[in-house]
Amino acid sequence: MAQDNKPSIAAEPPTTSRVSPRRRPSQKRSKARSQQILDATAELLDEVGVDDLTTNLIAKQVGISVGSLYHYFPNKHAILYALGERWLEQTRLLLEQIDQWPLATLSLREFVDKVVDQNLKVYKKQQGVLPLVQAMFAIPELRPLDQYHDDMVIAAMAKVFKQLGAHKHVHERERIARAYLELTHALLLVVVTQQGQRAKRTLDDLKWMVEALLQRHLTDIE
């Protein structure tokens, strides 16, 4: 059996001067203002979407001048990039936690329930996550975030699936992890936009599909 190669994922997504912040805030007050800008942007994403989002609207939401906002970020895309980085950091932390779970002691049903529920918490925590993810895919300057997200999840889950008992070549486990990613990512974005029983039924369907996917490969001993 081939050994896994350690995935070559950068510590953080690549960036360019067009989406880099004006400065990395170091003082407590500057950090708080930067987070205010990101929080206001997330709120506006839910209200007006990406196309109608402007730096003027963001500055007004925060209660500062556009000039003050530009001390932190050079443009709208830079703010969206920073917001995407914040969401990806929460995803990265969850993947690290999953790697520490006692996977050998969990049944497949227990694992699926836990992994999907914990992922949903990350999606729900980021306000405006649906338009943010759409922007990460559609806007060229933000696409490195989308690719980084996919690479990070695939590499981590391929490792997890091995611990669960999928004794396959790393490339096959990465293929399965890609299917897992596309399935969970798409439907969790649906769940966060739904309410009540509708959301619960979609979540139950997602868990059923993930369990069916993994059941096939965990019992298919080569």
C-alpha atoms as a PDB file:
ATOM      1  CA  MET A   1       0.000   0.000   0.000  1.00  0.00           C
ATOM      2  CA  ALA A   2       1.428   3.384  -0.957  1.00  0.00           C
ATOM      3  CA  GLN A   3       2.219   5.771   1.853  1.00  0.00           C
ATOM      4  CA  ASP A   4       0.347   9.060   2.071  1.00  0.00           C
ATOM      5  CA  ASN A   5       2.256  12.101   0.982  1.00  0.00           C
ATOM      6  CA  LYS A   6       1.840  14.999   3.352  1.00  0.00           C
ATOM      7  CA  PRO A   7      -0.436  17.494   1.537  1.00  0.00           C
ATOM      8  CA  SER A   8       1.396  20.617   0.440  1.00  0.00           C
ATOM      9  CA  ILE A   9      -1.164  23.165   1.593  1.00  0.00           C
ATOM     10  CA  ALA A  10       0.070  26.615   2.505  1.00  0.00           C
ATOM     11  CA  ALA A  11      -0.455  27.868   6.043  1.00  0.00           C
ATOM     12  CA  GLU A  12      -2.886  30.404   4.628  1.00  0.00           C
ATOM     13  CA  PRO A  13      -4.410  31.167   1.224  1.00  0.00           C
ATOM     14  CA  PRO A  14      -2.244  33.075  -1.274  1.00  0.00           C
ATOM     15  CA  THR A  15      -3.034  36.737  -1.695  1.00  0.00           C
ATOM     16  CA  THR A  16      -2.063  39.689  -3.876  1.00  0.00           C
ATOM     17  CA  SER A  17      -1.748  43.423  -3.303  1.00  0.00           C
ATOM     18  CA  ARG A  18      -5.226  43.918  -4.805  1.00  0.00           C
ATOM     19  CA  VAL A  19      -6.892  42.050  -1.945  1.00  0.00           C
ATOM     20  CA  SER A  20      -4.343  42.548   0.828  1.00  0.00           C
ATOM     21  CA  PRO A  21      -5.399  44.780   3.718  1.00  0.00           C
ATOM     22  CA  ARG A  22      -3.761  48.183   3.922  1.00  0.00           C
ATOM     23  CA  ARG A  23      -2.199  47.061   7.164  1.00  0.00           C
ATOM     24  CA  ARG A  24      -2.425  44.175   9.552  1.00  0.00           C
ATOM     25  CA  PRO A  25      -3.946  45.656  12.709  1.00  0.00           C
ATOM     26  CA  SER A  26      -1.748  45.106  15.745  1.00  0.00           C
ATOM     27  CA  GLN A  27      -3.320  47.270  18.421  1.00  0.00           C
ATOM     28  CA  LYS A  28      -6.500  46.194  20.183  1.00  0.00           C
ATOM     29  CA  ARG A  29      -8.500  49.161  18.890  1.00  0.00           C
ATOM     30  CA  SER A  30      -7.409  48.589  15.281  1.00  0.00           C
ATOM     31  CA  LYS A  31      -8.220  44.877  15.503  1.00  0.00           C
ATOM     32  CA  ALA A  32     -11.669  45.698  16.848  1.00  0.00           C
ATOM     33  CA  ARG A  33     -12.320  48.143  14.001  1.00  0.00           C
ATOM     34  CA  SER A  34     -11.175  45.617  11.418  1.00  0.00           C
ATOM     35  CA  GLN A  35     -13.541  43.008  12.877  1.00  0.00           C
ATOM     36  CA  GLN A  36     -16.346  45.604  12.843  1.00  0.00           C
ATOM     37  CA  ILE A  37     -15.804  46.105   9.135  1.00  0.00           C
ATOM     38  CA  LEU A  38     -15.924  42.362   8.496  1.00  0.00           C
ATOM     39  CA  ASP A  39     -19.043  41.901  10.639  1.00  0.00           C
ATOM     40  CA  ALA A  40     -20.802  44.768   8.849  1.00  0.00           C
ATOM     41  CA  THR A  41     -19.867  43.296   5.484  1.00  0.00           C
ATOM     42  CA  ALA A  42     -21.310  39.922   6.485  1.00  0.00           C
ATOM     43  CA  GLU A  43     -24.592  41.570   7.519  1.00  0.00           C
ATOM     44  CA  LEU A  44     -24.809  43.477   4.252  1.00  0.00           C
ATOM     45  CA  LEU A  45     -24.096  40.364   2.213  1.00  0.00           C
ATOM     46  CA  ASP A  46     -27.293  38.855   3.602  1.00  0.00           C
ATOM     47  CA  GLU A  47     -29.227  42.056   2.952  1.00  0.00           C
ATOM     48  CA  VAL A  48     -28.039  43.267  -0.460  1.00  0.00           C
ATOM     49  CA  GLY A  49     -25.808  40.537  -1.924  1.00  0.00           C
ATOM     50  CA  VAL A  50     -22.377  40.867  -3.500  1.00  0.00           C
ATOM     51  CA  ASP A  51     -23.289  42.926  -6.574  1.00  0.00           C
ATOM     52  CA  ASP A  52     -24.926  45.765  -4.626  1.00  0.00           C
ATOM     53  CA  LEU A  53     -22.348  45.728  -1.828  1.00  0.00           C
ATOM     54  CA  THR A  54     -20.191  48.873  -1.853  1.00  0.00           C
ATOM     55  CA  THR A  55     -17.540  50.379   0.390  1.00  0.00           C
ATOM     56  CA  ASN A  56     -19.907  53.321   0.961  1.00  0.00           C
ATOM     57  CA  LEU A  57     -22.553  50.957   2.335  1.00  0.00           C
ATOM     58  CA  ILE A  58     -20.017  49.160   4.501  1.00  0.00           C
ATOM     59  CA  ALA A  59     -18.628  52.398   5.918  1.00  0.00           C
ATOM     60  CA  LYS A  60     -22.148  53.645   6.678  1.00  0.00           C
ATOM     61  CA  GLN A  61     -23.012  50.348   8.395  1.00  0.00           C
ATOM     62  CA  VAL A  62     -19.894  50.625  10.578  1.00  0.00           C
ATOM     63  CA  GLY A  63     -20.434  54.327  11.238  1.00  0.00           C
ATOM     64  CA  ILE A  64     -17.164  55.582   9.765  1.00  0.00           C
ATOM     65  CA  SER A  65     -16.137  57.520   6.676  1.00  0.00           C
ATOM     66  CA  VAL A  66     -15.094  55.750   3.498  1.00  0.00           C
ATOM     67  CA  GLY A  67     -11.672  57.327   3.945  1.00  0.00           C
ATOM     68  CA  SER A  68     -11.343  55.704   7.358  1.00  0.00           C
ATOM     69  CA  LEU A  69     -12.395  52.348   5.905  1.00  0.00           C
ATOM     70  CA  TYR A  70      -9.664  52.652   3.265  1.00  0.00           C
ATOM     71  CA  HIS A  71      -7.084  52.852   6.048  1.00  0.00           C
ATOM     72  CA  TYR A  72      -7.847  49.173   6.611  1.00  0.00           C
ATOM     73  CA  PHE A  73      -8.852  47.778   3.207  1.00  0.00           C
ATOM     74  CA  PRO A  74      -8.170  49.157  -0.289  1.00  0.00           C
ATOM     75  CA  ASN A  75     -11.438  47.959  -1.873  1.00  0.00           C
ATOM     76  CA  LYS A  76     -14.531  45.786  -1.536  1.00  0.00           C
ATOM     77  CA  HIS A  77     -12.795  42.655  -2.747  1.00  0.00           C
ATOM     78  CA  ALA A  78     -10.114  43.010  -0.090  1.00  0.00           C
ATOM     79  CA  ILE A  79     -12.814  43.077   2.582  1.00  0.00           C
ATOM     80  CA  LEU A  80     -14.511  40.018   1.107  1.00  0.00           C
ATOM     81  CA  TYR A  81     -11.148  38.251   0.937  1.00  0.00           C
ATOM     82  CA  ALA A  82     -10.528  38.908   4.638  1.00  0.00           C
ATOM     83  CA  LEU A  83     -14.041  37.708   5.447  1.00  0.00           C
ATOM     84  CA  GLY A  84     -13.380  34.541   3.476  1.00  0.00           C
ATOM     85  CA  GLU A  85     -10.102  34.005   5.314  1.00  0.00           C
ATOM     86  CA  ARG A  86     -11.933  34.254   8.620  1.00  0.00           C
ATOM     87  CA  TRP A  87     -14.419  31.572   7.558  1.00  0.00           C
ATOM     88  CA  LEU A  88     -11.641  29.328   6.270  1.00  0.00           C
ATOM     89  CA  GLU A  89      -9.836  29.622   9.589  1.00  0.00           C
ATOM     90  CA  GLN A  90     -12.915  28.280  11.366  1.00  0.00           C
ATOM     91  CA  THR A  91     -13.027  25.414   8.867  1.00  0.00           C
ATOM     92  CA  ARG A  92      -9.347  24.687   9.438  1.00  0.00           C
ATOM     93  CA  LEU A  93      -9.827  24.577  13.200  1.00  0.00           C
ATOM     94  CA  LEU A  94     -12.717  22.128  12.820  1.00  0.00           C
ATOM     95  CA  LEU A  95     -10.636  19.852  10.601  1.00  0.00           C
ATOM     96  CA  GLU A  96      -7.918  19.827  13.263  1.00  0.00           C
ATOM     97  CA  GLN A  97     -10.509  18.854  15.873  1.00  0.00           C
ATOM     98  CA  ILE A  98     -11.879  16.036  13.704  1.00  0.00           C
ATOM     99  CA  ASP A  99      -8.363  14.634  13.370  1.00  0.00           C
ATOM    100  CA  GLN A 100      -8.265  14.351  17.179  1.00  0.00           C
ATOM    101  CA  TRP A 101     -11.595  12.570  17.556  1.00  0.00           C
ATOM    102  CA  PRO A 102     -11.469   8.933  18.792  1.00  0.00           C
ATOM    103  CA  LEU A 103     -12.435   7.770  15.306  1.00  0.00           C
ATOM    104  CA  ALA A 104     -11.765   4.095  15.991  1.00  0.00           C
ATOM    105  CA  THR A 105     -14.432   4.112  18.723  1.00  0.00           C
ATOM    106  CA  LEU A 106     -17.171   5.772  16.662  1.00  0.00           C
ATOM    107  CA  SER A 107     -19.695   3.894  14.587  1.00  0.00           C
ATOM    108  CA  LEU A 108     -20.193   5.207  11.067  1.00  0.00           C
ATOM    109  CA  ARG A 109     -23.579   6.656  12.053  1.00  0.00           C
ATOM    110  CA  GLU A 110     -22.048   8.419  15.060  1.00  0.00           C
ATOM    111  CA  PHE A 111     -19.236   9.827  12.945  1.00  0.00           C
ATOM    112  CA  VAL A 112     -21.565  11.118  10.240  1.00  0.00           C
ATOM    113  CA  ASP A 113     -23.926  12.732  12.754  1.00  0.00           C
ATOM    114  CA  LYS A 114     -21.041  14.424  14.514  1.00  0.00           C
ATOM    115  CA  VAL A 115     -19.082  15.577  11.470  1.00  0.00           C
ATOM    116  CA  VAL A 116     -22.119  16.994   9.662  1.00  0.00           C
ATOM    117  CA  ASP A 117     -23.460  18.740  12.782  1.00  0.00           C
ATOM    118  CA  GLN A 118     -20.095  20.310  13.576  1.00  0.00           C
ATOM    119  CA  ASN A 119     -19.672  21.451   9.991  1.00  0.00           C
ATOM    120  CA  LEU A 120     -23.117  23.026  10.072  1.00  0.00           C
ATOM    121  CA  LYS A 121     -22.102  25.063  13.115  1.00  0.00           C
ATOM    122  CA  VAL A 122     -19.195  26.536  11.144  1.00  0.00           C
ATOM    123  CA  TYR A 123     -21.480  27.451   8.245  1.00  0.00           C
ATOM    124  CA  LYS A 124     -24.069  28.992  10.549  1.00  0.00           C
ATOM    125  CA  LYS A 125     -21.477  30.972  12.476  1.00  0.00           C
ATOM    126  CA  GLN A 126     -20.494  32.931   9.360  1.00  0.00           C
ATOM    127  CA  GLN A 127     -23.282  35.353   8.559  1.00  0.00           C
ATOM    128  CA  GLY A 128     -23.747  35.803   4.830  1.00  0.00           C
ATOM    129  CA  VAL A 129     -21.935  32.544   4.115  1.00  0.00           C
ATOM    130  CA  LEU A 130     -23.913  31.729   0.946  1.00  0.00           C
ATOM    131  CA  PRO A 131     -23.156  34.983  -0.933  1.00  0.00           C
ATOM    132  CA  LEU A 132     -19.602  34.866   0.449  1.00  0.00           C
ATOM    133  CA  VAL A 133     -19.012  31.374  -0.967  1.00  0.00           C
ATOM    134  CA  GLN A 134     -20.598  32.414  -4.267  1.00  0.00           C
ATOM    135  CA  ALA A 135     -18.219  35.382  -4.402  1.00  0.00           C
ATOM    136  CA  MET A 136     -15.232  33.131  -3.663  1.00  0.00           C
ATOM    137  CA  PHE A 137     -16.159  31.053  -6.709  1.00  0.00           C
ATOM    138  CA  ALA A 138     -17.173  33.850  -9.100  1.00  0.00           C
ATOM    139  CA  ILE A 139     -14.706  36.688  -8.435  1.00  0.00           C
ATOM    140  CA  PRO A 140     -11.228  35.987  -9.864  1.00  0.00           C
ATOM    141  CA  GLU A 141      -9.433  37.753  -6.999  1.00  0.00           C
ATOM    142  CA  LEU A 142     -11.201  35.501  -4.487  1.00  0.00           C
ATOM    143  CA  ARG A 143     -10.828  32.179  -6.299  1.00  0.00           C
ATOM    144  CA  PRO A 144      -7.622  31.252  -4.426  1.00  0.00           C
ATOM    145  CA  LEU A 145      -9.829  31.049  -1.314  1.00  0.00           C
ATOM    146  CA  ASP A 146     -12.181  28.614  -3.032  1.00  0.00           C
ATOM    147  CA  GLN A 147      -9.308  26.404  -4.176  1.00  0.00           C
ATOM    148  CA  TYR A 148      -7.631  26.558  -0.779  1.00  0.00           C
ATOM    149  CA  HIS A 149     -10.874  25.511   0.915  1.00  0.00           C
ATOM    150  CA  ASP A 150     -11.305  22.503  -1.368  1.00  0.00           C
ATOM    151  CA  ASP A 151      -7.667  21.368  -1.070  1.00  0.00           C
ATOM    152  CA  MET A 152      -7.729  21.722   2.701  1.00  0.00           C
ATOM    153  CA  VAL A 153     -10.940  19.730   3.204  1.00  0.00           C
ATOM    154  CA  ILE A 154      -9.988  16.999   0.727  1.00  0.00           C
ATOM    155  CA  ALA A 155      -6.543  16.451   2.255  1.00  0.00           C
ATOM    156  CA  ALA A 156      -7.905  16.354   5.812  1.00  0.00           C
ATOM    157  CA  MET A 157     -10.860  14.076   5.092  1.00  0.00           C
ATOM    158  CA  ALA A 158      -8.785  11.649   3.018  1.00  0.00           C
ATOM    159  CA  LYS A 159      -6.695  11.161   6.148  1.00  0.00           C
ATOM    160  CA  VAL A 160      -9.793  10.779   8.334  1.00  0.00           C
ATOM    161  CA  PHE A 161     -11.303   8.188   5.996  1.00  0.00           C
ATOM    162  CA  LYS A 162      -8.158   6.087   6.318  1.00  0.00           C
ATOM    163  CA  GLN A 163      -8.545   6.134  10.108  1.00  0.00           C
ATOM    164  CA  LEU A 164     -12.172   5.080   9.692  1.00  0.00           C
ATOM    165  CA  GLY A 165     -11.113   2.029   7.718  1.00  0.00           C
ATOM    166  CA  ALA A 166     -10.973   3.038   4.052  1.00  0.00           C
ATOM    167  CA  HIS A 167      -7.741   1.197   3.258  1.00  0.00           C
ATOM    168  CA  LYS A 168      -7.325   2.504  -0.253  1.00  0.00           C
ATOM    169  CA  HIS A 169      -4.617   4.336  -2.151  1.00  0.00           C
ATOM    170  CA  VAL A 170      -4.382   7.986  -1.127  1.00  0.00           C
ATOM    171  CA  HIS A 171      -5.554   9.112  -4.577  1.00  0.00           C
ATOM    172  CA  GLU A 172      -8.726   7.024  -4.249  1.00  0.00           C
ATOM    173  CA  ARG A 173      -9.392   8.405  -0.771  1.00  0.00           C
ATOM    174  CA  GLU A 174      -8.924  11.922  -2.146  1.00  0.00           C
ATOM    175  CA  ARG A 175     -11.490  11.116  -4.836  1.00  0.00           C
ATOM    176  CA  ILE A 176     -13.935   9.987  -2.147  1.00  0.00           C
ATOM    177  CA  ALA A 177     -13.108  13.096  -0.115  1.00  0.00           C
ATOM    178  CA  ARG A 178     -13.889  15.234  -3.162  1.00  0.00           C
ATOM    179  CA  ALA A 179     -17.322  13.600  -3.421  1.00  0.00           C
ATOM    180  CA  TYR A 180     -17.832  14.149   0.332  1.00  0.00           C
ATOM    181  CA  LEU A 181     -16.823  17.808  -0.034  1.00  0.00           C
ATOM    182  CA  GLU A 182     -19.101  18.555  -2.976  1.00  0.00           C
ATOM    183  CA  LEU A 183     -22.037  16.850  -1.269  1.00  0.00           C
ATOM    184  CA  THR A 184     -21.672  18.467   2.152  1.00  0.00           C
ATOM    185  CA  HIS A 185     -20.652  21.907   0.899  1.00  0.00           C
ATOM    186  CA  ALA A 186     -23.602  22.229  -1.461  1.00  0.00           C
ATOM    187  CA  LEU A 187     -26.270  20.968   0.938  1.00  0.00           C
ATOM    188  CA  LEU A 188     -24.997  22.772   4.037  1.00  0.00           C
ATOM    189  CA  LEU A 189     -25.320  26.010   2.071  1.00  0.00           C
ATOM    190  CA  VAL A 190     -28.935  25.008   1.438  1.00  0.00           C
ATOM    191  CA  VAL A 191     -29.605  24.109   5.073  1.00  0.00           C
ATOM    192  CA  VAL A 192     -28.421  27.506   6.375  1.00  0.00           C
ATOM    193  CA  THR A 193     -30.997  29.243   4.167  1.00  0.00           C
ATOM    194  CA  GLN A 194     -33.894  27.058   5.351  1.00  0.00           C
ATOM    195  CA  GLN A 195     -35.939  27.108   8.539  1.00  0.00           C
ATOM    196  CA  GLY A 196     -37.568  24.619  10.887  1.00  0.00           C
ATOM    197  CA  GLN A 197     -38.609  21.201   9.619  1.00  0.00           C
ATOM    198  CA  ARG A 198     -37.512  21.991   6.075  1.00  0.00           C
ATOM    199  CA  ALA A 199     -33.932  22.523   7.245  1.00  0.00           C
ATOM    200  CA  LYS A 200     -34.070  19.421   9.438  1.00  0.00           C
ATOM    201  CA  ARG A 201     -35.263  17.208   6.578  1.00  0.00           C
ATOM    202  CA  THR A 202     -32.533  18.469   4.270  1.00  0.00           C
ATOM    203  CA  LEU A 203     -29.962  17.863   6.989  1.00  0.00           C
ATOM    204  CA  ASP A 204     -31.269  14.327   7.540  1.00  0.00           C
ATOM    205  CA  ASP A 205     -31.049  13.676   3.785  1.00  0.00           C
ATOM    206  CA  LEU A 206     -27.473  14.943   3.750  1.00  0.00           C
ATOM    207  CA  LYS A 207     -26.483  12.618   6.585  1.00  0.00           C
ATOM    208  CA  TRP A 208     -28.108   9.681   4.825  1.00  0.00           C
ATOM    209  CA  MET A 209     -26.178  10.405   1.626  1.00  0.00           C
ATOM    210  CA  VAL A 210     -22.842  10.844   3.421  1.00  0.00           C
ATOM    211  CA  GLU A 211     -23.361   7.611   5.344  1.00  0.00           C
ATOM    212  CA  ALA A 212     -24.232   5.744   2.136  1.00  0.00           C
ATOM    213  CA  LEU A 213     -21.124   7.091   0.414  1.00  0.00           C
ATOM    214  CA  LEU A 214     -18.796   6.117   3.220  1.00  0.00           C
ATOM    215  CA  GLN A 215     -20.474   2.789   3.942  1.00  0.00           C
ATOM    216  CA  ARG A 216     -19.697   1.630   0.429  1.00  0.00           C
ATOM    217  CA  HIS A 217     -15.995   2.399   0.701  1.00  0.00           C
ATOM    218  CA  LEU A 218     -15.438   1.352   4.310  1.00  0.00           C
ATOM    219  CA  THR A 219     -16.795  -2.122   3.598  1.00  0.00           C
ATOM    220  CA  ASP A 220     -15.190  -2.484   0.161  1.00  0.00           C
ATOM    221  CA  ILE A 221     -11.984  -4.193   1.287  1.00  0.00           C
ATOM    222  CA  GLU A 222      -9.358  -4.409  -1.416  1.00  0.00           C
END
